[in-house]
Every structure is written in C-alpha cells, then in structure tokens.
Amino acid sequence: MYLAYRNVNLQFSLLRDLTTQYDAGKIDSNTVFNLTESSITAYILMHRMFVDNCKSFQRNHKNANISDLIINLQNENTEKNMKVLRDYAMHTNIPMSQVEISTSINNKAHFQQRFHSILHVKINADKMDIHGLSRQDREKINEWGHELDITTEIENAWNNLNTFVKQLFKSYLDAYVDKNLHKVVISDKKLWQERLIPLKTMGITYQPKNSIPQDTVFMDYDALAYCIERMLDE
C-alpha cells in the first residue's frame, strides 16, 4: 500500500517540479506547457488508482476499521472532482486551456532562489464531451460552470490524500502491530528520530498474523520510516 502511495507522491512532485526546473533555467516555457497536460492527467489517474487500491485494502484488512476514512475522503468535493476527471480521462483527453505561468522575483534572495513561478491551468468544461458519462459525473461537471481550476484542485486533493493516508496507516498499524512492539518503538522515539530514520534504516518484518502467505517482508527505508512516524504520532 505504501508503494502505491509513494507513486502518487512521485507524480505530484513531478508536476510541481515543472516550475522549479523552469525557474532554474533548465527548461523553457514551451516545454512546461507541453508537459503540463500529460503530467496533470497522470496525477489524476494515479491519485484515483490509489483510492481504489485502498478500497481493496479495506476489504482484506477489516480489523483496521478504515472504511469510514475512505467514505469521508470520497465525500470531499475535490475528491469527487478527481473521480469525474479520472472517468473522463479513461475515454478522451481532458480539455485544458489558459495554461499560464506567473513568476514573482525576489531581488534580495540568492540568485538560484530569486525566481518563484506558479503554474495555472483551467479545464474548459464547455469543451468536454459528457456523452457516455454517468448521470452523477455529468451533474458534477455542470456544477463547475464554464471551467475548473485544476491546479488548485490537485493541490487540495493532494493535501486531503496526505491527511487520509496518515490516518489510514495509523489505524492499520494500531490494529495489526503487536502492542508490545508498539510500546518498544515509542520508548525508542528519540533513537528512531535522531539516528535510525536519518540513517535510512531498512526493516525486516512479517505478514500480519493469519495472512496468506506468511512470508518475510523486507521494507524500504522510506516505507519503514513512514510507518514508524505514524506509530509515533500522538
């Protein structure tokens, strides 16, 4: 599950990195514009794939009690927009317009940090072919009016997903990690935060009790660090 989340994180970072590279002079505005549509579409698809993965995860790990978390996430207006756009992108290209870059300049900052650009992209709802979409999807698109600020939507969707994932992992770990092991991790909080996590320590663990197969699992250091951080959350 963490690997699926990491893929969404990577796609969001790639989208955000377009303006970072532009500010650094590594790519020009035409390259930003050319990569924007595919990067936005890829994020939408990856985002919704992860949410669907969470539904399957919930069915296989009912003791984690995460169904309410998933319901609450999907009731968010931004998440409903992500679902509609995923459904639309499965059939045809999402019509994007008004792709703009706004740049602010701070003459007092170091040269490499002097420029700060923000990408603005709108989806033209009037150009969307809504034939073949579900009634719910058509109604949602009609709520947008003539356009949707997709850059703002993705920012909000990512923030909501981050909050959701923290709660999801904490619920899962509380349900499936041995209570004594949990206490040991908390007692070693300083060791984890100041040494083991910064050293990118890898982990060796096992599938949860009664899982099939019961194999040894090697955890990447970032997956282990994320799980430990959730166990240390108050």
Protein backbone atom coordinates (compact mmCIF):
# COMPACT_ATOMS: atom_id res chain seq x y z
CA MET A 1 0.00 0.00 0.00
CA TYR A 2 2.81 2.40 0.82
CA LEU A 3 4.40 1.82 -2.60
CA ALA A 4 1.13 2.85 -4.28
CA TYR A 5 1.03 5.99 -2.14
CA ARG A 6 4.66 6.73 -3.00
CA ASN A 7 3.78 6.61 -6.70
CA VAL A 8 1.15 9.31 -6.18
CA ASN A 9 3.68 11.35 -4.23
CA LEU A 10 6.19 10.98 -7.05
CA GLN A 11 3.67 12.09 -9.68
CA PHE A 12 2.71 15.15 -7.64
CA SER A 13 6.40 16.02 -7.23
CA LEU A 14 7.00 15.69 -10.98
CA LEU A 15 4.13 18.07 -11.68
CA ARG A 16 5.34 20.59 -9.12
CA ASP A 17 8.92 20.25 -10.39
CA LEU A 18 7.96 21.71 -13.78
CA THR A 19 8.05 25.26 -12.41
CA THR A 20 11.11 24.51 -10.28
CA GLN A 21 13.05 23.48 -13.38
CA TYR A 22 11.69 26.48 -15.25
CA ASP A 23 12.89 28.86 -12.50
CA ALA A 24 16.33 27.21 -12.61
CA GLY A 25 16.53 27.77 -16.38
CA LYS A 26 16.66 24.01 -17.10
CA ILE A 27 13.54 24.03 -19.30
CA ASP A 28 11.74 26.76 -21.21
CA SER A 29 8.08 27.76 -21.09
CA ASN A 30 7.18 25.72 -24.18
CA THR A 31 8.47 22.58 -22.50
CA VAL A 32 6.42 23.37 -19.40
CA PHE A 33 3.30 23.82 -21.49
CA ASN A 34 3.95 20.62 -23.47
CA LEU A 35 4.41 18.53 -20.31
CA THR A 36 1.58 20.06 -18.30
CA GLU A 37 -1.36 18.18 -19.80
CA SER A 38 0.24 14.73 -19.54
CA SER A 39 1.53 15.43 -16.01
CA ILE A 40 -1.88 16.56 -14.76
CA THR A 41 -3.65 13.61 -16.37
CA ALA A 42 -1.09 11.19 -14.92
CA TYR A 43 -1.60 12.62 -11.43
CA ILE A 44 -5.38 12.31 -11.65
CA LEU A 45 -5.16 8.67 -12.78
CA MET A 46 -2.54 7.75 -10.17
CA HIS A 47 -4.47 9.50 -7.41
CA ARG A 48 -7.71 7.65 -8.11
CA MET A 49 -5.92 4.32 -8.62
CA PHE A 50 -4.56 4.68 -5.10
CA VAL A 51 -8.02 5.41 -3.65
CA ASP A 52 -9.39 2.31 -5.40
CA ASN A 53 -6.46 0.30 -4.00
CA CYS A 54 -7.45 1.49 -0.54
CA LYS A 55 -10.94 0.06 -1.03
CA SER A 56 -9.46 -3.35 -1.81
CA PHE A 57 -7.07 -2.97 1.13
CA GLN A 58 -10.01 -2.29 3.42
CA ARG A 59 -11.84 -5.42 2.29
CA ASN A 60 -8.79 -7.54 3.09
CA HIS A 61 -7.99 -5.85 6.42
CA LYS A 62 -11.35 -5.22 8.06
CA ASN A 63 -9.83 -5.05 11.56
CA ALA A 64 -8.13 -1.79 10.60
CA ASN A 65 -11.54 -0.04 10.57
CA ILE A 66 -10.67 2.29 7.72
CA SER A 67 -13.97 2.18 5.81
CA ASP A 68 -15.17 5.42 7.42
CA LEU A 69 -11.90 7.12 6.46
CA ILE A 70 -12.43 6.14 2.82
CA ILE A 71 -16.06 7.31 2.88
CA ASN A 72 -15.07 10.66 4.37
CA LEU A 73 -12.37 11.16 1.75
CA GLN A 74 -14.70 10.38 -1.12
CA ASN A 75 -17.29 12.80 0.24
CA GLU A 76 -14.82 15.65 -0.19
CA ASN A 77 -15.83 17.85 -3.12
CA THR A 78 -12.29 17.83 -4.50
CA GLU A 79 -12.20 14.03 -4.42
CA LYS A 80 -15.48 13.87 -6.32
CA ASN A 81 -13.87 16.08 -8.99
CA MET A 82 -10.86 13.75 -9.16
CA LYS A 83 -13.19 10.79 -9.75
CA VAL A 84 -15.09 12.60 -12.52
CA LEU A 85 -11.85 13.59 -14.25
CA ARG A 86 -10.48 10.04 -13.96
CA ASP A 87 -13.67 8.69 -15.52
CA TYR A 88 -13.45 11.26 -18.32
CA ALA A 89 -9.75 10.66 -18.98
CA MET A 90 -10.42 6.94 -19.48
CA HIS A 91 -12.34 7.83 -22.66
CA THR A 92 -10.83 11.01 -24.10
CA ASN A 93 -8.36 13.84 -23.45
CA ILE A 94 -9.27 16.36 -20.78
CA PRO A 95 -9.62 19.78 -22.49
CA MET A 96 -7.20 22.14 -20.75
CA SER A 97 -6.94 25.83 -21.53
CA GLN A 98 -5.43 29.01 -20.11
CA VAL A 99 -2.16 27.35 -19.23
CA GLU A 100 -0.19 30.19 -17.66
CA ILE A 101 2.97 30.71 -15.64
CA SER A 102 3.15 33.61 -13.19
CA THR A 103 6.58 34.47 -11.84
CA SER A 104 7.50 36.61 -8.85
CA ILE A 105 11.03 37.95 -8.35
CA ASN A 106 12.80 38.50 -5.03
CA ASN A 107 15.90 40.57 -5.73
CA LYS A 108 17.14 40.07 -2.16
CA ALA A 109 17.26 36.29 -2.42
CA HIS A 110 20.15 34.18 -3.66
CA PHE A 111 20.26 34.09 -7.46
CA GLN A 112 19.17 30.45 -7.62
CA GLN A 113 16.17 31.22 -5.41
CA ARG A 114 15.29 34.61 -6.86
CA PHE A 115 12.51 33.38 -9.15
CA HIS A 116 9.34 31.67 -7.97
CA SER A 117 6.84 30.56 -10.59
CA ILE A 118 3.34 29.15 -10.22
CA LEU A 119 1.50 27.15 -12.85
CA HIS A 120 -2.15 27.99 -13.53
CA VAL A 121 -4.28 25.61 -15.60
CA LYS A 122 -8.02 25.65 -16.21
CA ILE A 123 -10.19 22.84 -17.56
CA ASN A 124 -12.69 24.09 -20.13
CA ALA A 125 -15.94 22.44 -19.12
CA ASP A 126 -17.71 23.76 -22.23
CA LYS A 127 -15.45 21.64 -24.44
CA MET A 128 -15.96 18.41 -22.50
CA ASP A 129 -17.87 15.69 -24.30
CA ILE A 130 -20.06 14.40 -21.48
CA HIS A 131 -21.96 11.88 -23.59
CA GLY A 132 -21.44 8.41 -22.19
CA LEU A 133 -20.62 9.65 -18.69
CA SER A 134 -22.77 8.65 -15.74
CA ARG A 135 -25.52 10.97 -14.56
CA GLN A 136 -23.53 11.74 -11.40
CA ASP A 137 -20.46 12.70 -13.44
CA ARG A 138 -22.50 14.95 -15.76
CA GLU A 139 -24.12 16.70 -12.81
CA LYS A 140 -20.73 17.27 -11.19
CA ILE A 141 -19.28 18.80 -14.36
CA ASN A 142 -22.31 21.10 -14.65
CA GLU A 143 -21.56 22.38 -11.14
CA TRP A 144 -18.23 23.77 -12.39
CA GLY A 145 -19.84 26.35 -14.65
CA HIS A 146 -17.56 27.06 -17.59
CA GLU A 147 -14.23 25.99 -16.12
CA LEU A 148 -12.37 24.30 -13.27
CA ASP A 149 -9.06 25.48 -11.80
CA ILE A 150 -7.32 22.11 -11.96
CA THR A 151 -4.05 23.23 -10.37
CA THR A 152 -5.91 24.30 -7.23
CA GLU A 153 -7.96 21.11 -7.28
CA ILE A 154 -4.86 18.92 -7.45
CA GLU A 155 -3.20 20.86 -4.62
CA ASN A 156 -6.29 20.36 -2.44
CA ALA A 157 -6.65 16.71 -3.49
CA TRP A 158 -3.03 16.01 -2.57
CA ASN A 159 -3.38 17.69 0.84
CA ASN A 160 -6.55 15.72 1.58
CA LEU A 161 -4.90 12.49 0.49
CA ASN A 162 -1.89 13.12 2.72
CA THR A 163 -4.13 13.57 5.76
CA PHE A 164 -6.14 10.48 4.82
CA VAL A 165 -3.06 8.29 4.37
CA LYS A 166 -1.64 9.25 7.76
CA GLN A 167 -4.91 8.24 9.40
CA LEU A 168 -5.13 5.05 7.32
CA PHE A 169 -1.66 3.83 8.24
CA LYS A 170 -2.08 4.73 11.88
CA SER A 171 -5.36 2.77 12.04
CA TYR A 172 -3.78 -0.22 10.31
CA LEU A 173 -0.68 -0.23 12.50
CA ASP A 174 -2.72 0.17 15.68
CA ALA A 175 -4.81 -2.84 14.67
CA TYR A 176 -2.11 -5.20 13.40
CA VAL A 177 1.20 -4.34 15.11
CA ASP A 178 1.86 -6.23 18.32
CA LYS A 179 1.15 -3.98 21.31
CA ASN A 180 4.47 -4.76 22.98
CA LEU A 181 6.36 -3.89 19.78
CA HIS A 182 4.40 -0.68 19.58
CA LYS A 183 5.50 0.22 23.12
CA VAL A 184 9.14 -0.54 22.27
CA VAL A 185 9.02 1.80 19.26
CA ILE A 186 7.53 4.60 21.33
CA SER A 187 10.10 4.09 24.10
CA ASP A 188 12.85 4.39 21.46
CA LYS A 189 11.34 7.51 19.90
CA LYS A 190 14.48 9.59 20.23
CA LEU A 191 16.62 6.79 18.73
CA TRP A 192 14.32 6.50 15.72
CA GLN A 193 14.00 10.22 15.09
CA GLU A 194 17.63 11.18 15.62
CA ARG A 195 19.50 8.17 14.31
CA LEU A 196 17.69 5.24 12.69
CA ILE A 197 15.41 7.23 10.37
CA PRO A 198 18.16 9.69 9.27
CA LEU A 199 20.44 6.69 8.57
CA LYS A 200 17.74 5.26 6.24
CA THR A 201 17.49 2.02 8.16
CA MET A 202 15.74 -0.84 6.33
CA GLY A 203 13.33 -3.17 8.07
CA ILE A 204 12.54 -6.87 8.15
CA THR A 205 9.07 -7.87 9.24
CA TYR A 206 6.41 -10.48 8.62
CA GLN A 207 2.94 -10.54 7.13
CA PRO A 208 0.24 -9.87 9.77
CA LYS A 209 -0.99 -12.84 11.74
CA ASN A 210 -3.38 -15.10 9.77
CA SER A 211 -2.29 -13.52 6.48
CA ILE A 212 -1.51 -15.70 3.47
CA PRO A 213 1.29 -16.18 2.63
CA GLN A 214 3.20 -15.72 5.87
CA ASP A 215 6.44 -14.63 4.24
CA THR A 216 9.26 -12.43 5.46
CA VAL A 217 8.88 -8.88 4.15
CA PHE A 218 11.80 -6.52 3.55
CA MET A 219 10.76 -2.89 3.92
CA ASP A 220 12.35 0.01 2.07
CA TYR A 221 13.82 2.58 4.43
CA ASP A 222 11.25 5.22 3.47
CA ALA A 223 8.35 2.78 4.00
CA LEU A 224 9.74 1.82 7.39
CA ALA A 225 10.31 5.47 8.32
CA TYR A 226 6.75 6.38 7.34
CA CYS A 227 5.28 3.54 9.41
CA ILE A 228 7.42 4.41 12.42
CA GLU A 229 6.40 8.07 12.18
CA ARG A 230 2.74 7.03 12.18
CA MET A 231 3.31 4.84 15.26
CA LEU A 232 4.92 7.81 16.98
CA ASP A 233 2.02 10.14 16.13
CA GLU A 234 0.19 11.25 19.22
